[in-house]
């Protein structure tokens, strides 16, 4: 299993803290069992959020092919070297 990134740790931790506070304030529970259930559910929610944060993916650089018209124009403009062989004396 890969190590969690900083973003995953931050999102998961904030989720646990804020969801725990929100559930405790909304439920107004004071029993030990209620607090334990809220803490366990907040930890589960924080783990879920941390694992669903998208991981950075390596960039893939696309290689673009030149348009067919551009290839033809480049071929037409390219200098052509001609090597002369034999004698050029015409008798």
C-alpha atoms as a PDB file:
ATOM      1  CA  UNK A   1       0.000   0.000   0.000  1.00  0.00           C
ATOM      2  CA  UNK A   2       1.501   3.365  -0.985  1.00  0.00           C
ATOM      3  CA  UNK A   3       2.214   5.993   1.637  1.00  0.00           C
ATOM      4  CA  UNK A   4      -0.465   8.696   1.980  1.00  0.00           C
ATOM      5  CA  UNK A   5       0.293  12.089   0.529  1.00  0.00           C
ATOM      6  CA  UNK A   6       0.170  15.346   2.462  1.00  0.00           C
ATOM      7  CA  UNK A   7      -3.172  16.210   0.881  1.00  0.00           C
ATOM      8  CA  UNK A   8      -4.664  12.892   1.971  1.00  0.00           C
ATOM      9  CA  UNK A   9      -3.480  13.397   5.546  1.00  0.00           C
ATOM     10  CA  UNK A  10      -4.786  16.954   5.657  1.00  0.00           C
ATOM     11  CA  UNK A  11      -8.203  16.133   4.193  1.00  0.00           C
ATOM     12  CA  UNK A  12      -8.628  13.090   6.416  1.00  0.00           C
ATOM     13  CA  UNK A  13      -7.597  14.910   9.588  1.00  0.00           C
ATOM     14  CA  UNK A  14      -9.840  17.904   8.908  1.00  0.00           C
ATOM     15  CA  UNK A  15     -12.739  15.582   8.157  1.00  0.00           C
ATOM     16  CA  UNK A  16     -12.285  13.718  11.434  1.00  0.00           C
ATOM     17  CA  UNK A  17     -12.041  16.906  13.512  1.00  0.00           C
ATOM     18  CA  UNK A  18     -14.900  18.817  11.922  1.00  0.00           C
ATOM     19  CA  UNK A  19     -17.262  15.862  11.611  1.00  0.00           C
ATOM     20  CA  UNK A  20     -16.654  14.908  15.255  1.00  0.00           C
ATOM     21  CA  UNK A  21     -17.399  18.442  16.431  1.00  0.00           C
ATOM     22  CA  UNK A  22     -20.473  18.735  14.225  1.00  0.00           C
ATOM     23  CA  UNK A  23     -21.930  15.389  15.307  1.00  0.00           C
ATOM     24  CA  UNK A  24     -21.261  16.079  18.985  1.00  0.00           C
ATOM     25  CA  UNK A  25     -22.888  19.505  18.779  1.00  0.00           C
ATOM     26  CA  UNK A  26     -25.869  18.283  16.771  1.00  0.00           C
ATOM     27  CA  UNK A  27     -26.542  15.174  18.845  1.00  0.00           C
ATOM     28  CA  UNK A  28     -25.934  16.848  22.220  1.00  0.00           C
ATOM     29  CA  UNK A  29     -24.976  13.477  23.668  1.00  0.00           C
ATOM     30  CA  UNK A  30     -23.210  13.198  26.983  1.00  0.00           C
ATOM     31  CA  UNK A  31     -23.012   9.421  27.378  1.00  0.00           C
ATOM     32  CA  UNK A  32     -19.761   7.585  26.874  1.00  0.00           C
ATOM     33  CA  UNK A  33     -21.298   5.166  24.385  1.00  0.00           C
ATOM     34  CA  UNK A  34     -22.675   7.993  22.248  1.00  0.00           C
ATOM     35  CA  UNK A  35     -19.330   9.764  22.174  1.00  0.00           C
ATOM     36  CA  UNK A  36     -17.566   6.504  21.239  1.00  0.00           C
ATOM     37  CA  UNK A  37     -19.995   5.879  18.366  1.00  0.00           C
ATOM     38  CA  UNK A  38     -19.542   9.438  17.084  1.00  0.00           C
ATOM     39  CA  UNK A  39     -15.746   9.179  17.316  1.00  0.00           C
ATOM     40  CA  UNK A  40     -15.705   5.841  15.491  1.00  0.00           C
ATOM     41  CA  UNK A  41     -17.977   7.128  12.731  1.00  0.00           C
ATOM     42  CA  UNK A  42     -15.851  10.270  12.358  1.00  0.00           C
ATOM     43  CA  UNK A  43     -12.707   8.164  12.027  1.00  0.00           C
ATOM     44  CA  UNK A  44     -14.381   5.989   9.384  1.00  0.00           C
ATOM     45  CA  UNK A  45     -15.514   9.077   7.490  1.00  0.00           C
ATOM     46  CA  UNK A  46     -12.017  10.582   7.685  1.00  0.00           C
ATOM     47  CA  UNK A  47     -10.483   7.380   6.349  1.00  0.00           C
ATOM     48  CA  UNK A  48     -12.992   7.299   3.501  1.00  0.00           C
ATOM     49  CA  UNK A  49     -12.228  10.904   2.560  1.00  0.00           C
ATOM     50  CA  UNK A  50      -8.466  10.360   2.754  1.00  0.00           C
ATOM     51  CA  UNK A  51      -8.569   7.306   0.501  1.00  0.00           C
ATOM     52  CA  UNK A  52     -10.786   8.935  -2.133  1.00  0.00           C
ATOM     53  CA  UNK A  53      -8.547  11.984  -2.649  1.00  0.00           C
ATOM     54  CA  UNK A  54      -7.177  11.589  -6.177  1.00  0.00           C
ATOM     55  CA  UNK A  55      -3.536  10.592  -6.318  1.00  0.00           C
ATOM     56  CA  UNK A  56      -1.180  12.574  -8.515  1.00  0.00           C
ATOM     57  CA  UNK A  57      -0.558  10.814 -11.801  1.00  0.00           C
ATOM     58  CA  UNK A  58       2.544  11.123 -13.940  1.00  0.00           C
ATOM     59  CA  UNK A  59       2.166  13.454 -16.856  1.00  0.00           C
ATOM     60  CA  UNK A  60       1.981  11.899 -20.271  1.00  0.00           C
ATOM     61  CA  UNK A  61       3.287  14.122 -23.005  1.00  0.00           C
ATOM     62  CA  UNK A  62       1.454  13.630 -26.264  1.00  0.00           C
ATOM     63  CA  UNK A  63       3.547  13.602 -29.402  1.00  0.00           C
ATOM     64  CA  UNK A  64       1.762  15.469 -32.134  1.00  0.00           C
ATOM     65  CA  UNK A  65       2.106  14.384 -35.706  1.00  0.00           C
ATOM     66  CA  UNK A  66       2.366  17.184 -38.223  1.00  0.00           C
ATOM     67  CA  UNK A  67      -0.560  17.642 -40.563  1.00  0.00           C
ATOM     68  CA  UNK A  68      -0.149  15.903 -43.954  1.00  0.00           C
ATOM     69  CA  UNK A  69      -0.197  19.264 -45.750  1.00  0.00           C
ATOM     70  CA  UNK A  70       2.615  20.573 -43.555  1.00  0.00           C
ATOM     71  CA  UNK A  71       4.725  17.509 -44.331  1.00  0.00           C
ATOM     72  CA  UNK A  72       4.263  18.002 -48.067  1.00  0.00           C
ATOM     73  CA  UNK A  73       5.152  21.709 -47.817  1.00  0.00           C
ATOM     74  CA  UNK A  74       8.229  20.943 -45.758  1.00  0.00           C
ATOM     75  CA  UNK A  75       9.330  18.338 -48.281  1.00  0.00           C
ATOM     76  CA  UNK A  76       8.823  20.770 -51.164  1.00  0.00           C
ATOM     77  CA  UNK A  77      10.858  23.485 -49.446  1.00  0.00           C
ATOM     78  CA  UNK A  78      13.684  21.230 -48.305  1.00  0.00           C
ATOM     79  CA  UNK A  79      16.935  21.702 -50.206  1.00  0.00           C
ATOM     80  CA  UNK A  80      17.944  18.720 -52.253  1.00  0.00           C
ATOM     81  CA  UNK A  81      21.601  17.938 -52.752  1.00  0.00           C
ATOM     82  CA  UNK A  82      22.553  16.291 -56.027  1.00  0.00           C
ATOM     83  CA  UNK A  83      25.841  14.520 -56.468  1.00  0.00           C
ATOM     84  CA  UNK A  84      27.115  14.598 -60.024  1.00  0.00           C
ATOM     85  CA  UNK A  85      28.748  11.430 -61.212  1.00  0.00           C
ATOM     86  CA  UNK A  86      30.600  10.824 -64.415  1.00  0.00           C
ATOM     87  CA  UNK A  87      31.939  13.393 -66.841  1.00  0.00           C
ATOM     88  CA  UNK A  88      30.039  16.436 -67.927  1.00  0.00           C
ATOM     89  CA  UNK A  89      31.877  16.793 -71.254  1.00  0.00           C
ATOM     90  CA  UNK A  90      29.561  16.270 -74.124  1.00  0.00           C
ATOM     91  CA  UNK A  91      31.276  15.393 -77.342  1.00  0.00           C
END
